[in-house]
Amino acid sequence: MSGRSLLAVLLHAWLVSALQTKTHGDSHVQLDGALVVGTAEGLTESFLGVPYAHAPVDDLRLRLPRLIDSYNGTINATAYGNQCFQQGATLSADIPPDVLEGLETIAAVFSPNLDVPESEHCLNLNVVRPANVSRHEKLPVLFWIYGGGFTGGSNAMALYDGSKIVQRSIEIGEPVIWVAANYRLNAFGFLGGQEVMDAGIGNLGLHDQRTALRWVQKFIPAFGGNPNEVTIWGESAGSMSVFFQMTANHGNTEGLFRAGIMSSGSSVPTREVTDSDVQDTYDFVVQQVGCSNATDTLACLRTAPAESILAAANNTPSANGFQGLATPYTPHADGVFVTQRPQALVQQGTLANVPFIIGDTQDEGTLFSLGNLNITTEQELVSYLKTFWFPGASSNDIQSILTLYPADPAEGSPFGTGSADAFTPEYKRIAAVQGDMFFHAPRRQLLDRFSSSQVTYNFLSARMNVSGVGYAHGTDLSNALGPGDMTDYFIRFVNHLDPNGGSAPHWPPYNTSARRTLQFNDGSTPLTVTADTERLAGTDALLDLSLRFPF
């Protein structure tokens, strides 16, 4: 047994025995010149709402984040910090009632915590660790980036509290520390336009995440964490954020992390932040808050009431609206953080040379296709695809996609459901195209480009079937964060850069010939190793089209 493995076993035994009778109380960490007061419960200790950057208010609004590099006094870390402003979202009135009932479980994952205020004073993070860990332990760190379409989400959402992950890591003798940081959203964090590009402030939410990673490097040792063993993990927009962190700085991690996990998201088929639709959104926000006549519209936005900016954002597209995932707040190339169009970065081989896990749910597109149930004919679908997803594509280009994704409901998503769930003649078709375009095709592009040069693992989740939407986007989270068997694989990966161990079925690394994938299933066979070949011709065609005609 290696020295590290022996240390983990001894730490596990000590923690379990020492904490068997522990219930709850205060916990304290000396952070620089400050005393951080958190809470202890069971096997874990939580330190919530610790500010990592100066609040982006007044003249700091719409500017790059500024790391807090020293602390004094007492920090009350016993309750969640503010959430960043959330863009409002509404579900289509056309969604069948039985589907709405099934969506309640998924909605609970992605809804903001109504008990926690929203504010620009939101750049805070949570640290959850095994209880009674000293600052000398040097435990691996799991850095969580939440999803929400870059318009919503926070570290105060119940499923993201990290305590179950940390507790499970203790139970299997692989202790980790959990860190989850807030980042700016919608018009506050992902506003585009020529003015934004000229000021070098595109994709501010990604800069926030990077700043939080720098905070981890400086301060996580005080909590017993090892800054040299950080794994970044996200879901949905958080997963896409992991991709952007891995491509930032031309793929140089700057020592901020050593591995990545991407759950439902990687590159996106977007253009530059100066694209016309993104510019239109900037101009709309400027007009709505009364800054149209200002000499310097960015300076005017910095003085506008935050509520006015939020109200303007609430009148721009969101991921569950008619445009689907083609929203103006999805990261676009800004020449600074995202140096080129995202899928071109993959083509050119720009990615941190670190091990990574990546995977999707089976029916990624169903949730996002409930917003366009009014598309009921093929001609309407052709017009929609040319307008929102593939601007500039010819009718022949679109027809080639529709040939690969026919109108037959049995070929659509939710997959494997025959003629069921065909709420409109085009719903399952749109869901199949959208899921493959935004999730499965980019994932396969990433794996095909990098699996020969770095260690990669691929998964598919077909667990937690939801009426009408199947194994939809987000259904893997109950397993990943549950904890479930996916949790154990991820914890082992954080510790050893290899998800395998114990008696669990072996998860083979991915390669382009066998395309081996670990599939998480419902039913009597919960885990199988399969080949990732479903609709391969379709995802290849969608990738080609999105490279030619990004939105």
Protein backbone atom coordinates (compact mmCIF):
# COMPACT_ATOMS: atom_id res chain seq x y z
CA MET A 1 0.00 0.00 0.00
CA SER A 2 1.36 3.42 -0.98
CA GLY A 3 2.03 6.06 1.64
CA ARG A 4 -0.81 8.15 0.25
CA SER A 5 -3.27 5.24 0.34
CA LEU A 6 -2.26 4.38 3.90
CA LEU A 7 -2.73 8.01 4.92
CA ALA A 8 -6.22 8.02 3.40
CA VAL A 9 -7.21 4.84 5.22
CA LEU A 10 -5.90 6.11 8.55
CA LEU A 11 -7.61 9.47 8.08
CA HIS A 12 -10.85 7.73 7.21
CA ALA A 13 -10.73 5.55 10.31
CA TRP A 14 -9.87 8.50 12.54
CA LEU A 15 -12.62 10.71 11.13
CA VAL A 16 -15.34 8.09 11.46
CA SER A 17 -14.39 7.13 15.00
CA ALA A 18 -13.89 10.70 16.14
CA LEU A 19 -17.17 11.92 14.71
CA GLN A 20 -19.56 9.08 15.52
CA THR A 21 -21.09 11.10 18.34
CA LYS A 22 -20.64 14.55 16.80
CA THR A 23 -23.91 16.29 15.89
CA HIS A 24 -23.67 20.02 15.32
CA GLY A 25 -21.98 23.19 16.52
CA ASP A 26 -19.59 25.95 15.48
CA SER A 27 -16.39 25.44 13.50
CA HIS A 28 -13.55 27.90 13.14
CA VAL A 29 -10.79 28.49 10.60
CA GLN A 30 -8.08 31.14 10.78
CA LEU A 31 -8.06 32.75 7.36
CA ASP A 32 -5.25 35.23 7.01
CA GLY A 33 -6.04 37.80 9.73
CA ALA A 34 -9.69 36.76 10.09
CA LEU A 35 -11.56 34.14 12.07
CA VAL A 36 -14.08 32.33 9.87
CA VAL A 37 -17.00 30.90 11.83
CA GLY A 38 -18.84 28.02 10.18
CA THR A 39 -21.06 25.16 11.27
CA ALA A 40 -20.44 21.50 11.98
CA GLU A 41 -22.98 18.76 11.43
CA GLY A 42 -22.23 15.07 11.50
CA LEU A 43 -19.08 14.26 9.57
CA THR A 44 -18.79 17.62 7.82
CA GLU A 45 -18.13 21.29 8.45
CA SER A 46 -19.47 24.08 6.25
CA PHE A 47 -18.20 27.62 5.74
CA LEU A 48 -20.76 29.48 3.65
CA GLY A 49 -20.81 32.79 1.82
CA VAL A 50 -17.12 33.62 2.15
CA PRO A 51 -16.40 36.57 -0.18
CA TYR A 52 -13.65 35.84 -2.68
CA ALA A 53 -13.76 39.05 -4.75
CA HIS A 54 -14.76 42.63 -4.15
CA ALA A 55 -18.43 43.24 -4.81
CA PRO A 56 -18.88 44.30 -8.48
CA VAL A 57 -20.96 47.36 -7.65
CA ASP A 58 -20.75 51.03 -8.57
CA ASP A 59 -17.65 51.55 -10.70
CA LEU A 60 -16.73 47.84 -10.34
CA ARG A 61 -19.92 46.77 -12.14
CA LEU A 62 -19.18 45.42 -15.63
CA ARG A 63 -15.47 45.23 -14.83
CA LEU A 64 -13.08 42.35 -14.30
CA PRO A 65 -13.32 40.84 -10.80
CA ARG A 66 -10.83 41.88 -8.13
CA LEU A 67 -9.60 39.10 -5.87
CA ILE A 68 -9.75 39.68 -2.12
CA ASP A 69 -6.19 38.97 -1.06
CA SER A 70 -6.39 39.55 2.70
CA TYR A 71 -8.94 39.24 5.50
CA ASN A 72 -9.35 40.68 8.98
CA GLY A 73 -11.89 40.51 11.78
CA THR A 74 -14.56 37.84 11.96
CA ILE A 75 -16.36 36.31 8.99
CA ASN A 76 -19.76 34.84 9.77
CA ALA A 77 -19.92 31.85 7.41
CA THR A 78 -22.93 30.13 8.93
CA ALA A 79 -25.47 31.03 6.21
CA TYR A 80 -25.47 31.20 2.43
CA GLY A 81 -24.23 34.41 0.87
CA ASN A 82 -26.30 36.35 -1.64
CA GLN A 83 -27.14 34.80 -4.97
CA CYS A 84 -26.22 36.72 -8.11
CA PHE A 85 -29.20 38.21 -9.93
CA GLN A 86 -31.24 35.51 -11.64
CA GLN A 87 -32.94 35.99 -14.99
CA GLY A 88 -36.63 35.16 -14.73
CA ALA A 89 -37.89 32.20 -16.73
CA THR A 90 -41.36 30.93 -17.49
CA LEU A 91 -42.50 27.62 -18.93
CA SER A 92 -44.60 27.45 -22.06
CA ALA A 93 -48.33 27.32 -21.44
CA ASP A 94 -48.54 24.54 -24.04
CA ILE A 95 -46.74 21.93 -21.92
CA PRO A 96 -49.04 18.96 -21.19
CA PRO A 97 -50.14 18.73 -17.52
CA ASP A 98 -48.65 15.25 -16.97
CA VAL A 99 -45.28 16.53 -18.19
CA LEU A 100 -45.46 19.53 -15.86
CA GLU A 101 -45.92 17.16 -12.96
CA GLY A 102 -42.86 15.18 -13.98
CA LEU A 103 -40.82 18.35 -14.37
CA GLU A 104 -41.22 19.32 -10.72
CA THR A 105 -38.23 17.19 -9.71
CA ILE A 106 -36.01 18.73 -12.37
CA ALA A 107 -37.28 22.24 -11.67
CA ALA A 108 -36.31 21.84 -8.03
CA VAL A 109 -32.70 21.38 -9.15
CA PHE A 110 -32.54 24.49 -11.30
CA SER A 111 -34.73 26.90 -9.33
CA PRO A 112 -33.05 29.60 -7.24
CA ASN A 113 -33.15 29.35 -3.47
CA LEU A 114 -36.04 31.65 -2.59
CA ASP A 115 -34.79 32.00 0.98
CA VAL A 116 -31.52 33.63 -0.11
CA PRO A 117 -31.47 37.24 -1.39
CA GLU A 118 -30.29 38.17 -4.87
CA SER A 119 -27.78 40.97 -5.14
CA GLU A 120 -24.70 42.23 -6.95
CA HIS A 121 -22.91 41.57 -3.65
CA CYS A 122 -22.74 37.90 -4.62
CA LEU A 123 -19.14 36.90 -5.35
CA ASN A 124 -18.87 34.44 -2.50
CA LEU A 125 -18.05 30.78 -2.16
CA ASN A 126 -18.80 27.84 0.12
CA VAL A 127 -16.25 25.42 1.55
CA VAL A 128 -17.38 22.06 2.91
CA ARG A 129 -14.79 19.75 4.45
CA PRO A 130 -14.54 16.71 6.71
CA ALA A 131 -14.96 17.82 10.32
CA ASN A 132 -11.89 18.34 12.51
CA VAL A 133 -9.47 18.35 9.58
CA SER A 134 -6.37 20.34 10.36
CA ARG A 135 -4.79 22.81 7.98
CA HIS A 136 -1.95 20.33 7.43
CA GLU A 137 -4.05 17.51 5.87
CA LYS A 138 -3.76 18.66 2.21
CA LEU A 139 -6.96 17.01 0.99
CA PRO A 140 -7.93 17.08 -2.72
CA VAL A 141 -10.38 19.80 -3.71
CA LEU A 142 -13.53 19.43 -5.82
CA PHE A 143 -14.46 22.84 -7.26
CA TRP A 144 -18.12 22.95 -8.36
CA ILE A 145 -19.49 25.29 -11.05
CA TYR A 146 -23.28 25.38 -11.18
CA GLY A 147 -25.42 25.43 -14.31
CA GLY A 148 -28.42 27.51 -15.29
CA GLY A 149 -27.86 28.61 -18.88
CA PHE A 150 -25.50 31.42 -17.80
CA THR A 151 -28.64 33.27 -16.70
CA GLY A 152 -29.45 31.60 -13.36
CA GLY A 153 -28.11 29.27 -10.68
CA SER A 154 -26.15 29.71 -7.46
CA ASN A 155 -24.15 27.93 -4.79
CA ALA A 156 -27.15 28.29 -2.45
CA MET A 157 -29.25 25.75 -4.33
CA ALA A 158 -30.06 22.82 -2.07
CA LEU A 159 -28.61 20.06 -4.22
CA TYR A 160 -25.28 21.88 -4.49
CA ASP A 161 -24.48 22.16 -0.77
CA GLY A 162 -21.66 19.62 -1.09
CA SER A 163 -22.18 17.95 2.29
CA LYS A 164 -23.37 14.65 0.81
CA ILE A 165 -20.36 14.51 -1.49
CA VAL A 166 -17.94 15.17 1.35
CA GLN A 167 -19.68 12.73 3.67
CA ARG A 168 -19.60 10.03 1.00
CA SER A 169 -15.92 10.72 0.35
CA ILE A 170 -15.23 10.06 4.03
CA GLU A 171 -17.26 6.86 4.01
CA ILE A 172 -15.29 5.35 1.11
CA GLY A 173 -11.94 6.47 2.52
CA GLU A 174 -11.30 9.10 -0.18
CA PRO A 175 -11.92 12.42 1.64
CA VAL A 176 -12.25 15.59 -0.40
CA ILE A 177 -13.03 19.26 0.20
CA TRP A 178 -15.89 20.87 -1.71
CA VAL A 179 -15.78 24.44 -2.97
CA ALA A 180 -18.68 26.11 -4.83
CA ALA A 181 -18.45 29.70 -6.05
CA ASN A 182 -21.04 32.15 -7.33
CA TYR A 183 -20.38 33.97 -10.60
CA ARG A 184 -22.21 36.81 -12.35
CA LEU A 185 -25.01 35.89 -14.75
CA ASN A 186 -27.11 37.22 -17.65
CA ALA A 187 -26.63 40.92 -18.37
CA PHE A 188 -24.38 41.35 -15.33
CA GLY A 189 -21.95 38.58 -16.31
CA PHE A 190 -22.34 37.76 -20.00
CA LEU A 191 -23.32 40.94 -21.79
CA GLY A 192 -21.82 41.20 -25.25
CA GLY A 193 -21.49 43.83 -27.95
CA GLN A 194 -18.75 45.92 -29.54
CA GLU A 195 -18.55 48.15 -26.48
CA VAL A 196 -17.94 45.13 -24.26
CA MET A 197 -15.27 43.73 -26.57
CA ASP A 198 -13.49 47.08 -26.83
CA ALA A 199 -13.39 47.30 -23.02
CA GLY A 200 -12.07 43.74 -22.68
CA ILE A 201 -14.89 42.71 -20.34
CA GLY A 202 -16.59 39.89 -22.24
CA ASN A 203 -17.66 36.77 -20.38
CA LEU A 204 -17.23 38.31 -16.94
CA GLY A 205 -18.82 35.28 -15.28
CA LEU A 206 -15.96 33.13 -16.57
CA HIS A 207 -13.47 35.63 -15.15
CA ASP A 208 -15.30 35.35 -11.81
CA GLN A 209 -14.83 31.58 -11.83
CA ARG A 210 -11.12 31.99 -12.62
CA THR A 211 -10.76 34.45 -9.76
CA ALA A 212 -12.41 31.99 -7.38
CA LEU A 213 -9.90 29.36 -8.51
CA ARG A 214 -7.12 31.81 -7.68
CA TRP A 215 -8.69 32.24 -4.24
CA VAL A 216 -8.50 28.47 -3.77
CA GLN A 217 -4.80 28.52 -4.58
CA LYS A 218 -4.16 31.18 -1.95
CA PHE A 219 -6.55 30.22 0.83
CA ILE A 220 -7.65 26.59 0.64
CA PRO A 221 -4.61 25.40 2.68
CA ALA A 222 -6.17 27.13 5.68
CA PHE A 223 -9.08 24.68 5.39
CA GLY A 224 -6.81 21.64 5.00
CA GLY A 225 -7.00 21.54 1.21
CA ASN A 226 -4.26 20.90 -1.31
CA PRO A 227 -4.07 23.65 -3.96
CA ASN A 228 -2.09 21.31 -6.19
CA GLU A 229 -4.93 18.77 -6.36
CA VAL A 230 -7.95 20.73 -7.59
CA THR A 231 -10.52 19.18 -9.93
CA ILE A 232 -13.08 21.47 -11.58
CA TRP A 233 -16.55 20.01 -12.14
CA GLY A 234 -19.73 21.51 -13.51
CA GLU A 235 -23.09 20.62 -15.00
CA SER A 236 -24.86 22.25 -17.95
CA ALA A 237 -23.58 25.85 -18.15
CA GLY A 238 -21.19 24.81 -15.38
CA SER A 239 -19.90 22.00 -17.56
CA MET A 240 -19.45 24.41 -20.46
CA SER A 241 -17.61 26.65 -18.00
CA VAL A 242 -15.20 23.82 -17.22
CA PHE A 243 -14.50 23.62 -20.95
CA PHE A 244 -13.84 27.37 -21.08
CA GLN A 245 -11.55 27.18 -18.05
CA MET A 246 -9.64 24.40 -19.82
CA THR A 247 -9.27 26.45 -23.02
CA ALA A 248 -8.49 29.77 -21.31
CA ASN A 249 -4.99 31.19 -21.48
CA HIS A 250 -4.31 28.98 -24.53
CA GLY A 251 -4.84 25.87 -22.45
CA ASN A 252 -2.42 26.87 -19.68
CA THR A 253 -4.01 25.97 -16.33
CA GLU A 254 -1.62 28.30 -14.48
CA GLY A 255 -1.59 25.59 -11.81
CA LEU A 256 -5.20 26.34 -10.90
CA PHE A 257 -6.48 22.78 -11.45
CA ARG A 258 -5.21 19.37 -12.47
CA ALA A 259 -8.35 17.67 -13.89
CA GLY A 260 -11.87 18.37 -15.10
CA ILE A 261 -15.32 16.79 -15.08
CA MET A 262 -17.94 17.93 -17.60
CA SER A 263 -21.54 16.82 -17.03
CA SER A 264 -23.70 17.84 -19.99
CA GLY A 265 -21.81 20.52 -21.82
CA SER A 266 -18.51 21.48 -23.45
CA SER A 267 -17.94 23.77 -26.43
CA VAL A 268 -20.81 25.76 -27.89
CA PRO A 269 -21.40 26.74 -31.55
CA THR A 270 -21.18 30.49 -30.99
CA ARG A 271 -19.46 33.34 -32.81
CA GLU A 272 -17.99 36.59 -31.45
CA VAL A 273 -19.45 38.86 -28.76
CA THR A 274 -19.89 41.45 -31.52
CA ASP A 275 -22.34 39.22 -33.39
CA SER A 276 -25.52 41.06 -34.38
CA ASP A 277 -27.87 39.20 -32.02
CA VAL A 278 -25.53 39.77 -29.09
CA GLN A 279 -25.11 43.42 -30.03
CA ASP A 280 -28.88 43.76 -30.26
CA THR A 281 -29.16 42.49 -26.69
CA TYR A 282 -26.62 45.05 -25.48
CA ASP A 283 -28.46 47.83 -27.30
CA PHE A 284 -31.79 46.66 -25.87
CA VAL A 285 -30.48 46.67 -22.29
CA VAL A 286 -28.95 50.12 -22.83
CA GLN A 287 -32.24 51.43 -24.19
CA GLN A 288 -34.33 49.86 -21.44
CA VAL A 289 -32.32 51.45 -18.62
CA GLY A 290 -32.27 54.88 -20.26
CA CYS A 291 -28.65 54.99 -21.43
CA SER A 292 -29.18 55.25 -25.20
CA ASN A 293 -28.17 58.91 -25.38
CA ALA A 294 -25.12 58.55 -23.14
CA THR A 295 -21.71 59.34 -24.62
CA ASP A 296 -20.33 56.27 -22.86
CA THR A 297 -23.08 53.65 -22.57
CA LEU A 298 -20.96 51.31 -20.44
CA ALA A 299 -20.31 54.06 -17.93
CA CYS A 300 -24.02 54.78 -17.91
CA LEU A 301 -24.84 51.12 -17.24
CA ARG A 302 -22.55 51.25 -14.23
CA THR A 303 -24.70 53.96 -12.68
CA ALA A 304 -28.09 52.49 -13.60
CA PRO A 305 -30.20 50.82 -10.90
CA ALA A 306 -29.44 47.11 -10.76
CA GLU A 307 -33.16 46.38 -10.79
CA SER A 308 -33.48 48.17 -14.14
CA ILE A 309 -30.75 46.05 -15.69
CA LEU A 310 -32.37 42.90 -14.33
CA ALA A 311 -35.76 43.95 -15.66
CA ALA A 312 -34.21 44.43 -19.09
CA ALA A 313 -32.53 41.03 -18.91
CA ASN A 314 -35.85 39.46 -18.03
CA ASN A 315 -37.15 40.64 -21.39
CA THR A 316 -34.37 38.95 -23.36
CA PRO A 317 -34.25 35.27 -24.44
CA SER A 318 -33.61 32.51 -21.90
CA ALA A 319 -32.66 28.87 -22.46
CA ASN A 320 -36.20 27.58 -21.92
CA GLY A 321 -37.73 30.05 -24.37
CA PHE A 322 -38.53 29.82 -28.07
CA GLN A 323 -34.89 30.13 -29.21
CA GLY A 324 -33.84 27.18 -27.07
CA LEU A 325 -30.18 27.18 -26.17
CA ALA A 326 -29.22 29.80 -28.77
CA THR A 327 -29.27 32.63 -26.23
CA PRO A 328 -27.24 35.88 -26.25
CA TYR A 329 -25.70 35.07 -22.85
CA THR A 330 -23.97 31.88 -23.94
CA PRO A 331 -20.21 32.60 -23.98
CA HIS A 332 -18.95 34.02 -27.27
CA ALA A 333 -15.43 34.72 -28.47
CA ASP A 334 -14.21 37.96 -26.89
CA GLY A 335 -10.52 37.89 -27.81
CA VAL A 336 -9.49 37.75 -24.13
CA PHE A 337 -10.93 34.84 -22.16
CA VAL A 338 -12.46 33.06 -25.15
CA THR A 339 -9.84 33.87 -27.73
CA GLN A 340 -11.62 32.28 -30.69
CA ARG A 341 -14.94 30.68 -31.55
CA PRO A 342 -15.32 27.80 -29.07
CA GLN A 343 -15.55 24.91 -31.52
CA ALA A 344 -12.62 26.33 -33.49
CA LEU A 345 -10.57 26.15 -30.28
CA VAL A 346 -11.19 22.41 -30.24
CA GLN A 347 -10.29 22.07 -33.92
CA GLN A 348 -6.99 23.83 -33.26
CA GLY A 349 -6.15 21.69 -30.26
CA THR A 350 -6.50 24.35 -27.57
CA LEU A 351 -7.20 22.56 -24.29
CA ALA A 352 -5.43 22.07 -20.97
CA ASN A 353 -3.45 18.85 -21.04
CA VAL A 354 -5.17 17.31 -18.01
CA PRO A 355 -7.29 14.17 -17.54
CA PHE A 356 -11.02 14.72 -17.86
CA ILE A 357 -14.37 12.97 -17.58
CA ILE A 358 -17.20 14.02 -19.86
CA GLY A 359 -20.72 12.75 -20.41
CA ASP A 360 -24.33 13.49 -21.22
CA THR A 361 -27.81 12.30 -20.43
CA GLN A 362 -29.61 10.34 -23.12
CA ASP A 363 -32.26 12.97 -23.88
CA GLU A 364 -30.42 16.27 -23.53
CA GLY A 365 -32.69 18.26 -25.82
CA THR A 366 -36.17 17.51 -24.51
CA LEU A 367 -36.37 20.12 -21.74
CA PHE A 368 -35.17 22.91 -24.01
CA SER A 369 -37.62 21.98 -26.77
CA LEU A 370 -40.73 22.53 -24.66
CA GLY A 371 -40.47 26.23 -25.45
CA ASN A 372 -41.20 25.78 -29.16
CA LEU A 373 -44.16 23.40 -29.18
CA ASN A 374 -45.83 25.83 -31.57
CA ILE A 375 -43.55 24.55 -34.35
CA THR A 376 -45.77 21.87 -35.87
CA THR A 377 -44.74 21.55 -39.54
CA GLU A 378 -41.48 20.76 -41.30
CA GLN A 379 -41.53 24.10 -43.10
CA GLU A 380 -41.83 25.92 -39.79
CA LEU A 381 -38.92 23.86 -38.49
CA VAL A 382 -36.78 24.71 -41.54
CA SER A 383 -37.41 28.41 -40.98
CA TYR A 384 -36.65 28.09 -37.28
CA LEU A 385 -33.32 26.30 -37.82
CA LYS A 386 -32.18 28.80 -40.44
CA THR A 387 -33.15 31.75 -38.26
CA PHE A 388 -31.86 30.77 -34.82
CA TRP A 389 -29.43 27.85 -34.97
CA PHE A 390 -27.74 27.92 -38.37
CA PRO A 391 -27.87 31.50 -39.65
CA GLY A 392 -26.71 31.59 -43.26
CA ALA A 393 -27.28 27.89 -43.94
CA SER A 394 -28.99 26.96 -47.19
CA SER A 395 -32.19 24.99 -47.50
CA ASN A 396 -30.12 22.05 -48.75
CA ASP A 397 -27.95 22.25 -45.63
CA ILE A 398 -31.02 22.11 -43.41
CA GLN A 399 -32.61 19.34 -45.44
CA SER A 400 -29.54 17.16 -44.98
CA ILE A 401 -30.02 17.41 -41.21
CA LEU A 402 -33.74 16.66 -41.42
CA THR A 403 -32.98 13.56 -43.49
CA LEU A 404 -30.76 12.28 -40.68
CA TYR A 405 -33.37 13.29 -38.08
CA PRO A 406 -36.69 12.25 -39.67
CA ALA A 407 -40.16 13.27 -38.54
CA ASP A 408 -40.93 9.73 -37.39
CA PRO A 409 -41.58 10.05 -33.61
CA ALA A 410 -39.95 6.67 -33.03
CA GLU A 411 -36.64 8.21 -34.17
CA GLY A 412 -36.93 11.24 -31.90
CA SER A 413 -36.18 12.16 -28.31
CA PRO A 414 -37.08 10.91 -25.74
CA PHE A 415 -35.36 8.05 -27.52
CA GLY A 416 -36.70 4.53 -27.41
CA THR A 417 -40.28 5.57 -26.69
CA GLY A 418 -41.87 4.77 -30.05
CA SER A 419 -44.78 7.04 -30.91
CA ALA A 420 -45.26 8.17 -27.29
CA ASP A 421 -44.52 11.73 -26.13
CA ALA A 422 -45.12 13.22 -29.58
CA PHE A 423 -46.81 16.35 -28.21
CA THR A 424 -46.56 17.95 -31.65
CA PRO A 425 -45.54 16.48 -35.03
CA GLU A 426 -42.07 18.05 -34.66
CA TYR A 427 -41.36 18.04 -30.90
CA LYS A 428 -39.36 14.81 -30.68
CA ARG A 429 -37.48 15.71 -33.84
CA ILE A 430 -36.50 19.14 -32.53
CA ALA A 431 -35.49 17.60 -29.20
CA ALA A 432 -33.22 15.09 -30.94
CA VAL A 433 -31.55 17.78 -33.05
CA GLN A 434 -31.14 20.23 -30.17
CA GLY A 435 -29.73 17.63 -27.78
CA ASP A 436 -27.24 16.38 -30.34
CA MET A 437 -26.23 19.83 -31.59
CA PHE A 438 -25.55 21.41 -28.21
CA PHE A 439 -24.37 18.40 -26.20
CA HIS A 440 -23.59 15.09 -27.90
CA ALA A 441 -21.86 16.48 -31.00
CA PRO A 442 -19.53 18.87 -29.11
CA ARG A 443 -18.72 16.12 -26.59
CA ARG A 444 -17.75 13.76 -29.38
CA GLN A 445 -15.70 16.47 -31.08
CA LEU A 446 -13.77 17.00 -27.84
CA LEU A 447 -13.18 13.29 -27.25
CA ASP A 448 -12.17 12.62 -30.85
CA ARG A 449 -9.70 15.50 -30.81
CA PHE A 450 -8.02 14.89 -27.44
CA SER A 451 -8.46 11.27 -26.30
CA SER A 452 -5.30 10.20 -28.11
CA SER A 453 -3.14 12.70 -26.24
CA GLN A 454 -4.63 12.75 -22.73
CA VAL A 455 -6.62 10.45 -20.47
CA THR A 456 -10.37 10.81 -21.02
CA TYR A 457 -13.45 8.99 -19.73
CA ASN A 458 -16.89 9.12 -21.34
CA PHE A 459 -20.30 8.41 -19.78
CA LEU A 460 -23.98 8.34 -20.73
CA SER A 461 -26.74 8.64 -18.14
CA ALA A 462 -30.03 6.81 -18.70
CA ARG A 463 -31.28 7.04 -15.13
CA MET A 464 -34.35 8.78 -13.64
CA ASN A 465 -36.84 8.72 -16.49
CA VAL A 466 -39.24 11.69 -16.41
CA SER A 467 -42.64 11.54 -18.09
CA GLY A 468 -42.59 13.18 -21.49
CA VAL A 469 -38.94 14.21 -21.47
CA GLY A 470 -37.19 10.88 -20.80
CA TYR A 471 -33.67 10.87 -19.41
CA ALA A 472 -33.60 14.64 -19.64
CA HIS A 473 -30.94 17.23 -19.02
CA GLY A 474 -30.16 17.32 -15.30
CA THR A 475 -31.47 13.86 -14.46
CA ASP A 476 -27.94 12.64 -13.80
CA LEU A 477 -27.53 15.03 -10.88
CA SER A 478 -29.49 12.90 -8.43
CA ASN A 479 -26.89 10.20 -9.04
CA ALA A 480 -23.86 12.47 -9.25
CA LEU A 481 -24.68 14.51 -6.16
CA GLY A 482 -27.04 12.04 -4.53
CA PRO A 483 -24.76 10.34 -3.56
CA GLY A 484 -24.91 7.44 -6.00
CA ASP A 485 -22.53 5.20 -7.89
CA MET A 486 -21.55 8.11 -10.14
CA THR A 487 -20.50 10.01 -7.00
CA ASP A 488 -18.04 7.29 -6.07
CA TYR A 489 -16.45 7.24 -9.51
CA PHE A 490 -16.03 11.03 -9.45
CA ILE A 491 -14.60 11.07 -5.91
CA ARG A 492 -11.99 8.47 -6.85
CA PHE A 493 -11.13 10.53 -9.93
CA VAL A 494 -10.60 13.62 -7.78
CA ASN A 495 -8.22 11.68 -5.56
CA HIS A 496 -6.32 9.58 -8.10
CA LEU A 497 -7.15 10.93 -11.59
CA ASP A 498 -8.70 7.51 -12.18
CA PRO A 499 -12.37 6.81 -11.42
CA ASN A 500 -11.83 3.11 -10.85
CA GLY A 501 -11.42 1.29 -7.56
CA GLY A 502 -12.94 -1.15 -5.13
CA SER A 503 -15.52 -3.58 -6.48
CA ALA A 504 -17.12 -1.15 -8.93
CA PRO A 505 -17.31 -2.19 -12.60
CA HIS A 506 -14.27 -1.02 -14.52
CA TRP A 507 -14.66 2.25 -16.42
CA PRO A 508 -12.27 2.06 -19.36
CA PRO A 509 -10.60 5.16 -20.78
CA TYR A 510 -12.06 6.43 -24.04
CA ASN A 511 -10.44 5.98 -27.42
CA THR A 512 -11.70 6.72 -30.91
CA SER A 513 -11.66 3.12 -32.11
CA ALA A 514 -13.67 1.36 -29.39
CA ARG A 515 -15.47 4.54 -28.14
CA ARG A 516 -15.98 2.81 -24.78
CA THR A 517 -18.49 4.52 -22.56
CA LEU A 518 -19.80 3.81 -19.06
CA GLN A 519 -23.59 3.87 -19.18
CA PHE A 520 -25.67 4.40 -16.04
CA ASN A 521 -29.01 2.62 -16.47
CA ASP A 522 -32.35 2.12 -14.79
CA GLY A 523 -33.39 -1.47 -14.21
CA SER A 524 -31.57 -4.64 -13.25
CA THR A 525 -28.26 -3.75 -14.96
CA PRO A 526 -27.30 -0.38 -13.50
CA LEU A 527 -23.92 -0.14 -15.21
CA THR A 528 -22.77 -1.30 -18.63
CA VAL A 529 -19.83 -0.51 -20.88
CA THR A 530 -21.14 0.39 -24.34
CA ALA A 531 -19.87 1.95 -27.58
CA ASP A 532 -20.75 5.62 -28.10
CA THR A 533 -22.11 5.31 -31.65
CA GLU A 534 -25.81 6.27 -31.46
CA ARG A 535 -26.71 8.74 -34.24
CA LEU A 536 -23.05 9.19 -35.10
CA ALA A 537 -23.79 10.31 -38.66
CA GLY A 538 -26.22 12.87 -37.28
CA THR A 539 -23.83 14.38 -34.73
CA ASP A 540 -21.07 14.52 -37.37
CA ALA A 541 -23.38 16.44 -39.71
CA LEU A 542 -24.54 18.80 -36.97
CA LEU A 543 -20.96 19.51 -35.95
CA ASP A 544 -20.03 20.30 -39.54
CA LEU A 545 -22.99 22.63 -39.93
CA SER A 546 -22.41 24.40 -36.61
CA LEU A 547 -18.75 24.95 -37.51
CA ARG A 548 -19.82 26.55 -40.78
CA PHE A 549 -22.75 28.50 -39.38
CA PRO A 550 -22.33 29.24 -35.65
CA PHE A 551 -24.91 31.47 -34.03
